Amino acid sequence: MTDNQQRRTGGRRTAFLVLLVALATTAFGVWREREIAQQNQIIRWQDSFTQLQPILAPLIGQKLETLRDQAKSTLRHENFSESSWQDFITATEWRSHFPGMVEIGYADFSEDKCTVKFLASQQTPPAHTPGFDLNSDAVIRETLQKSADGSYGIGSREISLSDGTNAVRVIIGFLPIPKHDARPGTAAENRANLAGFIFFALDQDAYFAAVQPQFKNLPLDLRLLAADEVAPPRSATMRLFSSSGTSGEWRFVATMKAPTTSANAPQWIVLIDGTALSLLLY
């Protein structure tokens, strides 16, 4: 082999070696940028998950508690009249403020009965007409008795609410209305001071579907589990949590989203520029 041939062979080997080193460096840079993007996403995901429950609480609990304040200001203790009920219904704007609410009503309470007095419903005919004793339903009775004893809002287990044609799965929420403003006391004291309940039937799926867009900018996907759905196993990028109160029990699955296009941009810049530079050096 002549000297020129040896030089050409050596030059090709050197160029090929430079290309391999440059491509390997590019690959490492792409991997490193991907790791950084994933780590940043995990940090954002963990921070957002920590803040998620305080954000959800007003939407699925405290917001519904405002119904009690509105009821106490319009349904006068001495005169639970039809006109005051209509004032309450108008003030709440419940159809627009609480998507998924199928019905809302007021029921008088006594030790053995909880009789519906007023009702506004989106079903025809409504499931709980005036005169209906809410105590006659075992699931509802269990919930309202707890609310009466503790003088706090609470939601029932999910039940089927039918208007004779279609059935919808709902929880029945109770907001106790006292005769006189007083601190909660013993169960007997709370019952003695109880005038009745504002109650409502809430389709949790429909309600959550309406508020879910408020979480679209978070680095996680939030899904509501059905009442009888088996929860998936927990993982590093998936968390399960629950919340309960006036609007019943809610079970959620929060799953981390993949990094966004903008978060992945550095790795594509490194890949394109690194590949171009590798070919140029070669």
Protein backbone atom coordinates (compact mmCIF):
# COMPACT_ATOMS: atom_id res chain seq x y z
CA MET A 1 0.00 0.00 0.00
CA THR A 2 1.38 3.37 -1.01
CA ASP A 3 1.80 6.32 1.33
CA ASN A 4 -1.13 8.14 -0.31
CA GLN A 5 -3.42 5.15 0.15
CA GLN A 6 -2.36 4.85 3.78
CA ARG A 7 -3.05 8.54 4.34
CA ARG A 8 -6.49 8.25 2.73
CA THR A 9 -7.34 5.17 4.78
CA GLY A 10 -6.15 6.85 7.96
CA GLY A 11 -8.12 9.98 7.08
CA ARG A 12 -11.33 7.99 6.59
CA ARG A 13 -10.81 6.22 9.90
CA THR A 14 -10.22 9.51 11.67
CA ALA A 15 -13.32 11.08 10.05
CA PHE A 16 -15.43 8.05 10.98
CA LEU A 17 -14.12 8.18 14.56
CA VAL A 18 -14.95 11.90 14.76
CA LEU A 19 -18.45 11.15 13.46
CA LEU A 20 -19.01 8.42 16.06
CA VAL A 21 -17.80 10.64 18.89
CA ALA A 22 -19.95 13.56 17.72
CA LEU A 23 -23.06 11.35 17.36
CA ALA A 24 -22.44 9.76 20.77
CA THR A 25 -22.12 13.23 22.30
CA THR A 26 -25.36 14.26 20.59
CA ALA A 27 -27.15 11.15 21.87
CA PHE A 28 -25.95 11.86 25.40
CA GLY A 29 -27.12 15.47 25.10
CA VAL A 30 -30.56 14.35 23.89
CA TRP A 31 -30.85 11.83 26.76
CA ARG A 32 -29.75 14.45 29.29
CA GLU A 33 -32.28 17.03 28.06
CA ARG A 34 -35.03 14.39 28.16
CA GLU A 35 -34.11 13.53 31.75
CA ILE A 36 -34.20 17.20 32.73
CA ALA A 37 -37.63 17.64 31.10
CA GLN A 38 -38.98 14.57 32.91
CA GLN A 39 -37.52 15.67 36.26
CA ASN A 40 -39.03 19.14 35.87
CA GLN A 41 -42.39 17.58 34.97
CA ILE A 42 -42.26 15.33 38.06
CA ILE A 43 -41.53 18.35 40.26
CA ARG A 44 -44.46 20.26 38.72
CA TRP A 45 -46.67 17.17 39.06
CA GLN A 46 -45.83 16.71 42.74
CA ASP A 47 -46.40 20.40 43.50
CA SER A 48 -49.72 20.41 41.62
CA PHE A 49 -50.91 17.24 43.33
CA THR A 50 -50.17 18.76 46.74
CA GLN A 51 -52.29 21.78 45.82
CA LEU A 52 -55.05 19.77 44.15
CA GLN A 53 -57.16 18.84 47.17
CA PRO A 54 -57.37 22.42 48.53
CA ILE A 55 -58.44 23.52 45.03
CA LEU A 56 -61.08 20.80 44.79
CA ALA A 57 -62.57 21.35 48.25
CA PRO A 58 -64.40 24.60 47.40
CA LEU A 59 -65.75 23.13 44.17
CA ILE A 60 -67.16 19.87 45.49
CA GLY A 61 -67.96 20.86 49.06
CA GLN A 62 -67.78 24.42 50.25
CA LYS A 63 -69.60 25.79 47.21
CA LEU A 64 -72.62 23.65 48.06
CA GLU A 65 -72.48 24.80 51.68
CA THR A 66 -73.45 28.29 50.49
CA LEU A 67 -76.96 26.92 49.91
CA ARG A 68 -77.43 26.73 53.67
CA ASP A 69 -76.50 30.40 54.15
CA GLN A 70 -78.89 31.43 51.39
CA ALA A 71 -81.64 29.27 52.89
CA LYS A 72 -81.19 30.75 56.36
CA SER A 73 -81.50 34.27 54.95
CA THR A 74 -84.61 33.66 52.82
CA LEU A 75 -86.47 30.80 54.54
CA ARG A 76 -87.46 32.55 57.74
CA HIS A 77 -87.62 30.22 60.73
CA GLU A 78 -91.10 31.42 61.65
CA ASN A 79 -92.49 31.37 58.13
CA PHE A 80 -91.32 28.71 55.69
CA SER A 81 -93.76 29.95 53.08
CA GLU A 82 -94.13 29.27 49.37
CA SER A 83 -93.05 32.83 48.58
CA SER A 84 -89.86 32.56 50.66
CA TRP A 85 -89.11 29.24 48.96
CA GLN A 86 -89.44 30.87 45.54
CA ASP A 87 -87.15 33.67 46.69
CA PHE A 88 -84.60 31.04 47.72
CA ILE A 89 -84.82 29.20 44.37
CA THR A 90 -84.39 32.46 42.47
CA ALA A 91 -81.42 33.54 44.61
CA THR A 92 -79.53 30.26 44.26
CA GLU A 93 -79.80 29.97 40.46
CA TRP A 94 -79.17 26.30 41.18
CA ARG A 95 -79.58 25.04 37.61
CA SER A 96 -76.68 27.15 36.34
CA HIS A 97 -74.52 27.31 39.48
CA PHE A 98 -74.64 23.57 40.18
CA PRO A 99 -74.50 21.55 36.94
CA GLY A 100 -75.69 18.00 37.54
CA MET A 101 -78.12 18.98 40.30
CA VAL A 102 -81.31 17.09 39.49
CA GLU A 103 -83.49 18.43 42.30
CA ILE A 104 -83.40 20.63 45.37
CA GLY A 105 -85.95 20.80 48.17
CA TYR A 106 -86.76 21.60 51.75
CA ALA A 107 -88.07 19.02 54.25
CA ASP A 108 -89.48 19.53 57.75
CA PHE A 109 -87.84 17.37 60.39
CA SER A 110 -89.31 15.52 63.36
CA GLU A 111 -87.94 12.58 65.31
CA ASP A 112 -89.68 9.98 63.16
CA LYS A 113 -90.28 11.83 59.87
CA CYS A 114 -88.57 14.12 57.40
CA THR A 115 -91.35 15.34 55.16
CA VAL A 116 -90.71 17.13 51.88
CA LYS A 117 -92.43 20.53 51.92
CA PHE A 118 -91.01 22.28 48.85
CA LEU A 119 -89.27 20.91 45.77
CA ALA A 120 -87.75 22.14 42.52
CA SER A 121 -86.84 19.37 40.10
CA GLN A 122 -85.58 18.78 36.59
CA GLN A 123 -87.44 15.47 36.44
CA THR A 124 -91.04 15.03 35.33
CA PRO A 125 -92.61 13.76 37.48
CA PRO A 126 -90.13 14.44 40.31
CA ALA A 127 -88.89 11.57 42.43
CA HIS A 128 -89.51 13.27 45.79
CA THR A 129 -92.82 15.10 45.69
CA PRO A 130 -94.09 17.30 48.56
CA GLY A 131 -95.40 15.03 51.32
CA PHE A 132 -92.79 12.33 50.67
CA ASP A 133 -91.09 11.06 53.83
CA LEU A 134 -87.34 10.95 53.19
CA ASN A 135 -87.02 8.65 56.20
CA SER A 136 -88.79 5.94 54.22
CA ASP A 137 -85.64 5.32 52.14
CA ALA A 138 -83.04 3.35 54.12
CA VAL A 139 -79.98 4.93 52.45
CA ILE A 140 -81.35 8.45 52.78
CA ARG A 141 -82.49 7.85 56.36
CA GLU A 142 -79.00 6.77 57.45
CA THR A 143 -77.50 9.97 56.04
CA LEU A 144 -80.06 12.46 57.34
CA GLN A 145 -79.94 10.95 60.84
CA LYS A 146 -76.16 11.51 60.91
CA SER A 147 -76.68 15.08 59.72
CA ALA A 148 -79.35 15.67 62.35
CA ASP A 149 -77.14 14.32 65.15
CA GLY A 150 -74.04 16.26 64.16
CA SER A 151 -75.65 19.41 62.71
CA TYR A 152 -73.37 19.33 59.66
CA GLY A 153 -73.82 18.83 55.93
CA ILE A 154 -73.35 15.33 54.57
CA GLY A 155 -74.02 13.36 51.38
CA SER A 156 -75.49 9.89 51.03
CA ARG A 157 -74.18 6.91 49.15
CA GLU A 158 -75.10 6.86 45.48
CA ILE A 159 -78.70 5.87 44.73
CA SER A 160 -80.83 5.59 41.60
CA LEU A 161 -83.27 8.47 41.13
CA SER A 162 -86.08 7.74 38.68
CA ASP A 163 -88.84 9.87 37.20
CA GLY A 164 -90.69 6.79 35.97
CA THR A 165 -88.95 6.76 32.58
CA ASN A 166 -85.25 7.41 33.07
CA ALA A 167 -83.02 6.74 36.05
CA VAL A 168 -79.90 8.69 37.04
CA ARG A 169 -77.32 7.84 39.68
CA VAL A 170 -77.15 10.59 42.32
CA ILE A 171 -76.14 11.31 45.88
CA ILE A 172 -78.61 12.99 48.23
CA GLY A 173 -76.98 15.85 50.13
CA PHE A 174 -78.36 17.29 53.38
CA LEU A 175 -77.84 20.76 54.84
CA PRO A 176 -79.45 21.07 58.28
CA ILE A 177 -81.37 24.30 58.95
CA PRO A 178 -81.51 25.13 62.70
CA LYS A 179 -84.35 26.95 64.41
CA HIS A 180 -81.87 29.19 66.20
CA ASP A 181 -78.23 29.93 65.53
CA ALA A 182 -76.17 28.04 68.08
CA ARG A 183 -72.97 26.06 68.28
CA PRO A 184 -73.40 22.32 67.62
CA GLY A 185 -73.98 20.47 70.87
CA THR A 186 -75.02 16.96 71.77
CA ALA A 187 -77.07 14.87 69.34
CA ALA A 188 -80.21 15.55 71.42
CA GLU A 189 -79.56 19.31 71.47
CA ASN A 190 -78.89 19.40 67.74
CA ARG A 191 -82.09 17.51 66.96
CA ALA A 192 -84.17 19.74 69.26
CA ASN A 193 -82.86 22.82 67.42
CA LEU A 194 -83.38 21.36 63.94
CA ALA A 195 -86.16 22.84 61.81
CA GLY A 196 -85.47 20.80 58.69
CA PHE A 197 -83.11 20.23 55.80
CA ILE A 198 -82.24 21.71 52.48
CA PHE A 199 -81.61 18.58 50.44
CA PHE A 200 -80.47 18.05 46.87
CA ALA A 201 -79.88 15.24 44.38
CA LEU A 202 -76.53 15.60 42.60
CA ASP A 203 -75.25 13.67 39.59
CA GLN A 204 -71.54 13.67 40.47
CA ASP A 205 -70.40 12.69 36.95
CA ALA A 206 -72.26 15.60 35.36
CA TYR A 207 -71.10 18.05 38.03
CA PHE A 208 -67.45 17.00 37.74
CA ALA A 209 -67.58 17.16 33.93
CA ALA A 210 -68.61 20.82 34.26
CA VAL A 211 -65.77 21.79 36.64
CA GLN A 212 -63.05 19.58 35.11
CA PRO A 213 -61.94 22.19 32.48
CA GLN A 214 -60.65 24.32 35.38
CA PHE A 215 -57.80 21.79 35.78
CA LYS A 216 -56.72 21.65 32.12
CA ASN A 217 -53.55 23.71 32.71
CA LEU A 218 -52.29 21.46 35.49
CA PRO A 219 -49.59 18.87 34.61
CA LEU A 220 -51.98 16.03 35.45
CA ASP A 221 -55.12 14.31 34.23
CA LEU A 222 -57.88 14.03 36.83
CA ARG A 223 -60.51 11.31 36.57
CA LEU A 224 -63.51 10.57 38.78
CA LEU A 225 -63.92 6.90 39.69
CA ALA A 226 -67.39 5.37 39.51
CA ALA A 227 -68.95 4.31 42.82
CA ASP A 228 -68.31 0.59 42.17
CA GLU A 229 -65.09 0.95 40.15
CA VAL A 230 -61.96 -0.79 41.44
CA ALA A 231 -59.17 1.73 41.91
CA PRO A 232 -56.06 1.13 39.77
CA PRO A 233 -52.75 0.40 41.56
CA ARG A 234 -50.76 3.42 42.69
CA SER A 235 -47.54 4.23 40.82
CA ALA A 236 -44.86 6.93 40.71
CA THR A 237 -46.94 8.98 38.25
CA MET A 238 -50.41 8.05 39.51
CA ARG A 239 -52.09 8.98 42.79
CA LEU A 240 -55.44 8.01 44.28
CA PHE A 241 -57.29 10.21 46.73
CA SER A 242 -60.79 10.77 48.01
CA SER A 243 -62.84 13.58 49.49
CA SER A 244 -66.20 13.48 51.24
CA GLY A 245 -68.67 15.96 52.63
CA THR A 246 -71.93 17.63 51.71
CA SER A 247 -71.67 16.45 48.12
CA GLY A 248 -70.97 12.82 49.08
CA GLU A 249 -67.81 10.79 48.62
CA TRP A 250 -65.58 11.48 45.62
CA ARG A 251 -62.77 9.15 44.52
CA PHE A 252 -60.20 10.47 42.08
CA VAL A 253 -57.25 9.21 40.06
CA ALA A 254 -54.61 11.84 39.22
CA THR A 255 -52.12 10.85 36.50
CA MET A 256 -49.07 12.85 35.48
CA LYS A 257 -49.14 14.17 31.92
CA ALA A 258 -46.19 13.70 29.59
CA PRO A 259 -43.92 16.77 29.23
CA THR A 260 -45.33 19.36 26.84
CA THR A 261 -43.92 20.14 23.40
CA SER A 262 -42.22 23.28 24.72
CA ALA A 263 -40.65 21.30 27.57
CA ASN A 264 -39.28 18.76 25.06
CA ALA A 265 -37.97 21.44 22.69
CA PRO A 266 -34.37 21.46 24.06
CA GLN A 267 -33.84 17.78 23.28
CA TRP A 268 -34.99 18.26 19.67
CA ILE A 269 -32.67 21.29 19.31
CA VAL A 270 -29.76 19.21 20.60
CA LEU A 271 -30.65 16.32 18.26
CA ILE A 272 -30.95 18.45 15.12
CA ASP A 273 -27.97 20.70 15.80
CA GLY A 274 -25.82 17.84 17.04
CA THR A 275 -26.56 15.70 14.01
CA ALA A 276 -25.85 18.59 11.62
CA LEU A 277 -22.57 19.39 13.40
CA SER A 278 -21.56 15.70 13.36
CA LEU A 279 -22.05 15.49 9.59
CA LEU A 280 -20.20 18.76 9.10
CA LEU A 281 -17.23 17.55 11.11
CA TYR A 282 -17.28 14.26 9.19
